[in-house]
Each structure stands twice: as structure tokens, then as C-alpha cells.
C-alpha atoms as a PDB file:
ATOM      1  CA  UNK A   1     148.652  55.886 -44.615  1.00  0.00           C
ATOM      2  CA  UNK A   2     145.099  56.326 -43.477  1.00  0.00           C
ATOM      3  CA  UNK A   3     142.211  54.298 -45.049  1.00  0.00           C
ATOM      4  CA  UNK A   4     141.356  56.367 -48.097  1.00  0.00           C
ATOM      5  CA  UNK A   5     143.377  59.176 -46.955  1.00  0.00           C
ATOM      6  CA  UNK A   6     146.845  60.817 -47.382  1.00  0.00           C
ATOM      7  CA  UNK A   7     150.049  60.155 -45.691  1.00  0.00           C
ATOM      8  CA  UNK A   8     151.597  62.935 -43.748  1.00  0.00           C
ATOM      9  CA  UNK A   9     154.560  63.304 -41.744  1.00  0.00           C
ATOM     10  CA  UNK A  10     153.489  63.825 -38.137  1.00  0.00           C
ATOM     11  CA  UNK A  11     156.341  65.101 -35.910  1.00  0.00           C
ATOM     12  CA  UNK A  12     156.537  66.959 -32.680  1.00  0.00           C
ATOM     13  CA  UNK A  13     155.864  70.713 -32.994  1.00  0.00           C
ATOM     14  CA  UNK A  14     158.998  71.523 -31.181  1.00  0.00           C
ATOM     15  CA  UNK A  15     161.026  70.574 -34.153  1.00  0.00           C
ATOM     16  CA  UNK A  16     158.943  72.828 -36.444  1.00  0.00           C
ATOM     17  CA  UNK A  17     158.575  76.195 -34.853  1.00  0.00           C
ATOM     18  CA  UNK A  18     158.485  77.646 -38.434  1.00  0.00           C
ATOM     19  CA  UNK A  19     154.971  76.322 -38.812  1.00  0.00           C
ATOM     20  CA  UNK A  20     153.652  78.452 -35.974  1.00  0.00           C
ATOM     21  CA  UNK A  21     152.364  81.357 -37.955  1.00  0.00           C
ATOM     22  CA  UNK A  22     150.192  79.143 -40.387  1.00  0.00           C
ATOM     23  CA  UNK A  23     149.013  77.031 -37.292  1.00  0.00           C
ATOM     24  CA  UNK A  24     148.032  80.491 -35.577  1.00  0.00           C
ATOM     25  CA  UNK A  25     146.098  81.481 -38.705  1.00  0.00           C
ATOM     26  CA  UNK A  26     144.526  78.094 -38.470  1.00  0.00           C
ATOM     27  CA  UNK A  27     143.366  78.362 -34.688  1.00  0.00           C
ATOM     28  CA  UNK A  28     142.118  82.046 -35.396  1.00  0.00           C
ATOM     29  CA  UNK A  29     139.954  80.882 -38.196  1.00  0.00           C
ATOM     30  CA  UNK A  30     138.711  77.626 -36.651  1.00  0.00           C
ATOM     31  CA  UNK A  31     137.771  79.148 -33.293  1.00  0.00           C
ATOM     32  CA  UNK A  32     137.134  82.968 -33.962  1.00  0.00           C
ATOM     33  CA  UNK A  33     135.123  83.431 -30.772  1.00  0.00           C
ATOM     34  CA  UNK A  34     138.204  82.298 -28.820  1.00  0.00           C
ATOM     35  CA  UNK A  35     141.067  83.143 -30.760  1.00  0.00           C
ATOM     36  CA  UNK A  36     139.706  85.925 -32.847  1.00  0.00           C
ATOM     37  CA  UNK A  37     140.492  89.673 -32.299  1.00  0.00           C
ATOM     38  CA  UNK A  38     137.655  89.948 -29.550  1.00  0.00           C
ATOM     39  CA  UNK A  39     138.283  86.525 -28.004  1.00  0.00           C
ATOM     40  CA  UNK A  40     140.048  85.647 -24.766  1.00  0.00           C
ATOM     41  CA  UNK A  41     142.463  83.219 -26.317  1.00  0.00           C
ATOM     42  CA  UNK A  42     145.993  83.962 -27.525  1.00  0.00           C
ATOM     43  CA  UNK A  43     146.583  81.375 -30.383  1.00  0.00           C
ATOM     44  CA  UNK A  44     150.397  82.355 -30.545  1.00  0.00           C
ATOM     45  CA  UNK A  45     150.969  81.762 -27.076  1.00  0.00           C
ATOM     46  CA  UNK A  46     148.945  78.552 -26.828  1.00  0.00           C
ATOM     47  CA  UNK A  47     150.832  77.087 -29.892  1.00  0.00           C
ATOM     48  CA  UNK A  48     154.297  78.169 -28.526  1.00  0.00           C
ATOM     49  CA  UNK A  49     153.498  76.518 -25.264  1.00  0.00           C
ATOM     50  CA  UNK A  50     153.160  73.215 -27.092  1.00  0.00           C
ATOM     51  CA  UNK A  51     156.789  73.543 -28.610  1.00  0.00           C
ATOM     52  CA  UNK A  52     158.238  71.018 -25.912  1.00  0.00           C
ATOM     53  CA  UNK A  53     159.843  67.654 -26.205  1.00  0.00           C
ATOM     54  CA  UNK A  54     159.588  65.964 -22.848  1.00  0.00           C
ATOM     55  CA  UNK A  55     156.744  67.272 -20.863  1.00  0.00           C
ATOM     56  CA  UNK A  56     153.164  68.555 -21.213  1.00  0.00           C
ATOM     57  CA  UNK A  57     151.875  70.341 -22.929  1.00  0.00           C
ATOM     58  CA  UNK A  58     153.368  68.934 -26.117  1.00  0.00           C
ATOM     59  CA  UNK A  59     152.180  69.351 -29.723  1.00  0.00           C
ATOM     60  CA  UNK A  60     152.514  67.419 -33.066  1.00  0.00           C
ATOM     61  CA  UNK A  61     152.062  68.932 -36.458  1.00  0.00           C
ATOM     62  CA  UNK A  62     150.962  67.165 -39.639  1.00  0.00           C
ATOM     63  CA  UNK A  63     153.234  68.079 -42.607  1.00  0.00           C
ATOM     64  CA  UNK A  64     152.475  67.410 -46.241  1.00  0.00           C
ATOM     65  CA  UNK A  65     155.391  68.377 -48.544  1.00  0.00           C
ATOM     66  CA  UNK A  66     156.799  70.785 -46.056  1.00  0.00           C
ATOM     67  CA  UNK A  67     153.465  72.524 -45.471  1.00  0.00           C
ATOM     68  CA  UNK A  68     151.507  72.360 -41.956  1.00  0.00           C
ATOM     69  CA  UNK A  69     148.191  70.820 -42.448  1.00  0.00           C
ATOM     70  CA  UNK A  70     147.099  69.931 -38.972  1.00  0.00           C
ATOM     71  CA  UNK A  71     148.042  70.170 -35.129  1.00  0.00           C
ATOM     72  CA  UNK A  72     147.327  68.521 -32.002  1.00  0.00           C
ATOM     73  CA  UNK A  73     148.305  68.653 -28.334  1.00  0.00           C
ATOM     74  CA  UNK A  74     148.771  66.642 -25.433  1.00  0.00           C
ATOM     75  CA  UNK A  75     147.791  68.644 -22.361  1.00  0.00           C
ATOM     76  CA  UNK A  76     147.536  68.311 -18.467  1.00  0.00           C
ATOM     77  CA  UNK A  77     143.983  69.388 -18.321  1.00  0.00           C
ATOM     78  CA  UNK A  78     141.028  70.112 -20.752  1.00  0.00           C
ATOM     79  CA  UNK A  79     137.631  69.500 -19.608  1.00  0.00           C
ATOM     80  CA  UNK A  80     136.540  71.174 -16.536  1.00  0.00           C
ATOM     81  CA  UNK A  81     134.257  68.259 -15.177  1.00  0.00           C
ATOM     82  CA  UNK A  82     137.358  65.987 -15.100  1.00  0.00           C
ATOM     83  CA  UNK A  83     140.247  67.499 -13.338  1.00  0.00           C
ATOM     84  CA  UNK A  84     141.476  64.089 -12.112  1.00  0.00           C
ATOM     85  CA  UNK A  85     142.133  62.834 -15.776  1.00  0.00           C
ATOM     86  CA  UNK A  86     145.432  63.532 -17.503  1.00  0.00           C
ATOM     87  CA  UNK A  87     146.742  63.804 -20.237  1.00  0.00           C
ATOM     88  CA  UNK A  88     144.285  65.113 -22.813  1.00  0.00           C
ATOM     89  CA  UNK A  89     144.429  65.067 -26.586  1.00  0.00           C
ATOM     90  CA  UNK A  90     143.232  68.721 -27.321  1.00  0.00           C
ATOM     91  CA  UNK A  91     143.543  71.527 -29.632  1.00  0.00           C
ATOM     92  CA  UNK A  92     143.263  69.272 -32.764  1.00  0.00           C
ATOM     93  CA  UNK A  93     142.730  71.033 -35.941  1.00  0.00           C
ATOM     94  CA  UNK A  94     143.152  70.128 -39.546  1.00  0.00           C
ATOM     95  CA  UNK A  95     143.198  72.816 -42.227  1.00  0.00           C
ATOM     96  CA  UNK A  96     139.743  73.044 -43.885  1.00  0.00           C
ATOM     97  CA  UNK A  97     140.896  71.915 -47.320  1.00  0.00           C
ATOM     98  CA  UNK A  98     142.659  68.932 -45.980  1.00  0.00           C
ATOM     99  CA  UNK A  99     139.683  67.497 -43.841  1.00  0.00           C
ATOM    100  CA  UNK A 100     138.108  63.937 -44.295  1.00  0.00           C
ATOM    101  CA  UNK A 101     141.568  62.506 -45.514  1.00  0.00           C
ATOM    102  CA  UNK A 102     142.659  60.863 -42.285  1.00  0.00           C
ATOM    103  CA  UNK A 103     145.024  63.405 -41.081  1.00  0.00           C
ATOM    104  CA  UNK A 104     143.088  64.002 -37.705  1.00  0.00           C
ATOM    105  CA  UNK A 105     143.430  60.284 -37.102  1.00  0.00           C
ATOM    106  CA  UNK A 106     147.138  60.321 -37.761  1.00  0.00           C
ATOM    107  CA  UNK A 107     147.371  63.457 -35.294  1.00  0.00           C
ATOM    108  CA  UNK A 108     145.482  61.283 -32.640  1.00  0.00           C
ATOM    109  CA  UNK A 109     147.482  58.148 -33.040  1.00  0.00           C
ATOM    110  CA  UNK A 110     150.768  60.452 -32.871  1.00  0.00           C
ATOM    111  CA  UNK A 111     149.388  61.873 -29.519  1.00  0.00           C
ATOM    112  CA  UNK A 112     148.839  58.271 -28.252  1.00  0.00           C
ATOM    113  CA  UNK A 113     152.515  57.412 -29.108  1.00  0.00           C
ATOM    114  CA  UNK A 114     153.755  60.669 -27.290  1.00  0.00           C
ATOM    115  CA  UNK A 115     151.679  59.721 -24.192  1.00  0.00           C
ATOM    116  CA  UNK A 116     153.029  56.255 -24.060  1.00  0.00           C
ATOM    117  CA  UNK A 117     156.662  57.605 -24.692  1.00  0.00           C
ATOM    118  CA  UNK A 118     156.085  59.927 -21.699  1.00  0.00           C
ATOM    119  CA  UNK A 119     154.876  56.823 -19.356  1.00  0.00           C
ATOM    120  CA  UNK A 120     151.249  57.414 -19.347  1.00  0.00           C
ATOM    121  CA  UNK A 121     148.957  54.494 -19.357  1.00  0.00           C
ATOM    122  CA  UNK A 122     145.745  56.222 -20.518  1.00  0.00           C
ATOM    123  CA  UNK A 123     144.835  59.572 -22.486  1.00  0.00           C
ATOM    124  CA  UNK A 124     141.821  61.217 -22.615  1.00  0.00           C
ATOM    125  CA  UNK A 125     139.888  63.786 -25.005  1.00  0.00           C
ATOM    126  CA  UNK A 126     136.547  65.807 -25.023  1.00  0.00           C
ATOM    127  CA  UNK A 127     134.727  66.433 -28.478  1.00  0.00           C
ATOM    128  CA  UNK A 128     131.895  67.880 -29.622  1.00  0.00           C
ATOM    129  CA  UNK A 129     132.490  66.890 -33.272  1.00  0.00           C
ATOM    130  CA  UNK A 130     134.903  63.853 -33.624  1.00  0.00           C
ATOM    131  CA  UNK A 131     132.922  61.091 -31.497  1.00  0.00           C
ATOM    132  CA  UNK A 132     132.822  58.668 -34.646  1.00  0.00           C
ATOM    133  CA  UNK A 133     136.659  59.318 -35.164  1.00  0.00           C
ATOM    134  CA  UNK A 134     137.473  58.270 -31.641  1.00  0.00           C
ATOM    135  CA  UNK A 135     135.304  55.443 -31.732  1.00  0.00           C
ATOM    136  CA  UNK A 136     137.115  54.047 -34.927  1.00  0.00           C
ATOM    137  CA  UNK A 137     140.475  54.749 -33.129  1.00  0.00           C
ATOM    138  CA  UNK A 138     139.302  52.208 -30.252  1.00  0.00           C
ATOM    139  CA  UNK A 139     138.609  54.942 -27.634  1.00  0.00           C
ATOM    140  CA  UNK A 140     136.036  54.297 -24.991  1.00  0.00           C
ATOM    141  CA  UNK A 141     133.225  56.642 -24.434  1.00  0.00           C
ATOM    142  CA  UNK A 142     132.888  57.748 -20.950  1.00  0.00           C
ATOM    143  CA  UNK A 143     130.328  60.508 -20.693  1.00  0.00           C
ATOM    144  CA  UNK A 144     129.033  63.744 -22.224  1.00  0.00           C
ATOM    145  CA  UNK A 145     129.313  66.892 -20.160  1.00  0.00           C
ATOM    146  CA  UNK A 146     128.965  70.683 -20.917  1.00  0.00           C
ATOM    147  CA  UNK A 147     132.189  72.630 -21.642  1.00  0.00           C
ATOM    148  CA  UNK A 148     131.841  76.236 -22.164  1.00  0.00           C
ATOM    149  CA  UNK A 149     128.008  75.934 -23.010  1.00  0.00           C
ATOM    150  CA  UNK A 150     128.584  72.920 -25.534  1.00  0.00           C
ATOM    151  CA  UNK A 151     127.977  69.305 -24.834  1.00  0.00           C
ATOM    152  CA  UNK A 152     131.099  67.296 -25.354  1.00  0.00           C
ATOM    153  CA  UNK A 153     131.770  63.679 -25.413  1.00  0.00           C
ATOM    154  CA  UNK A 154     134.529  62.441 -23.116  1.00  0.00           C
ATOM    155  CA  UNK A 155     136.551  59.279 -24.249  1.00  0.00           C
ATOM    156  CA  UNK A 156     139.428  57.446 -22.837  1.00  0.00           C
ATOM    157  CA  UNK A 157     142.025  55.393 -24.615  1.00  0.00           C
ATOM    158  CA  UNK A 158     144.169  52.673 -22.386  1.00  0.00           C
ATOM    159  CA  UNK A 159     147.559  52.644 -23.822  1.00  0.00           C
END
């Protein structure tokens, strides 16, 4: 259980494909400019691509009483300015009614474990909103760089 938070089961998304429709709506609501009706993204396709067990991209889902309340993925690439870094913790989203309860931290810790299981020695992330979380989890700040017109902080966690 996270400090002051709720305990969720975080499992590989590949074992919980039934959650994909809920997660798709979450992505479309969270990032409407990208995943909305007029956006260039395809939430269903991206989430389906995260349903792998032993290769990237690989997703994890946070389950609370059988309900999907969050998702995150480990991907080959994420931040354009750093193509040499891999893998990336990305596509992290917690349902709006469940934020601030430690679920995001549990998702990140699960991605760290998946990266170690796959043999990686470090993991990276870029975030415009979760810098304080990454620092609390022991990630090292590397740089701030623009990504799609938004400044994002780039972090690394040595595993």
C-alpha cells in the first residue's frame, strides 16, 4: 500500500484485455487533443500494442476490486530529443476519481520491476506534470526539453 493511498493490484495488461475499453475511454478523456475524435492518435491500437508479456511495448494495469483505475506502459521510445535512451515509462494515466492516492506510484514501481525482469539496467521517463512523484520514487532529473510544444522533465532510474 502506498503512503496514505489505496492498495491496488498492478498486473500486466496482457492478462487483462477485458479492461481495454475502459482504458481507451480514459486515454480519450485524458488526452482529447491526441486521442479524441479529431486527434491523430488511436487509443485502442496503442493500448492493444501494450498487451505483451516479454517484449516492448508492455503495459501494466491497476485494478481495484476488478475495476481498471490506471495504466502505464514501458516503451522503446518516447521523448524525441533522446532517441538513445530506452526503455521509457510512458502512457501513465490514473482515472480522475482515483488520483492522489498513490496509484500512479504503484504503476511506476511495477514498470521498474518489468524493466528489471526484461534485463534493463535503467529506465527513463518524460513528464510535464509528475516531476515531484518521480523525485519521491528516487528518479534522477536529467533535463527539460520540449516535446510537442510542451516542456517535459526527463528522468532516469537506475535499476
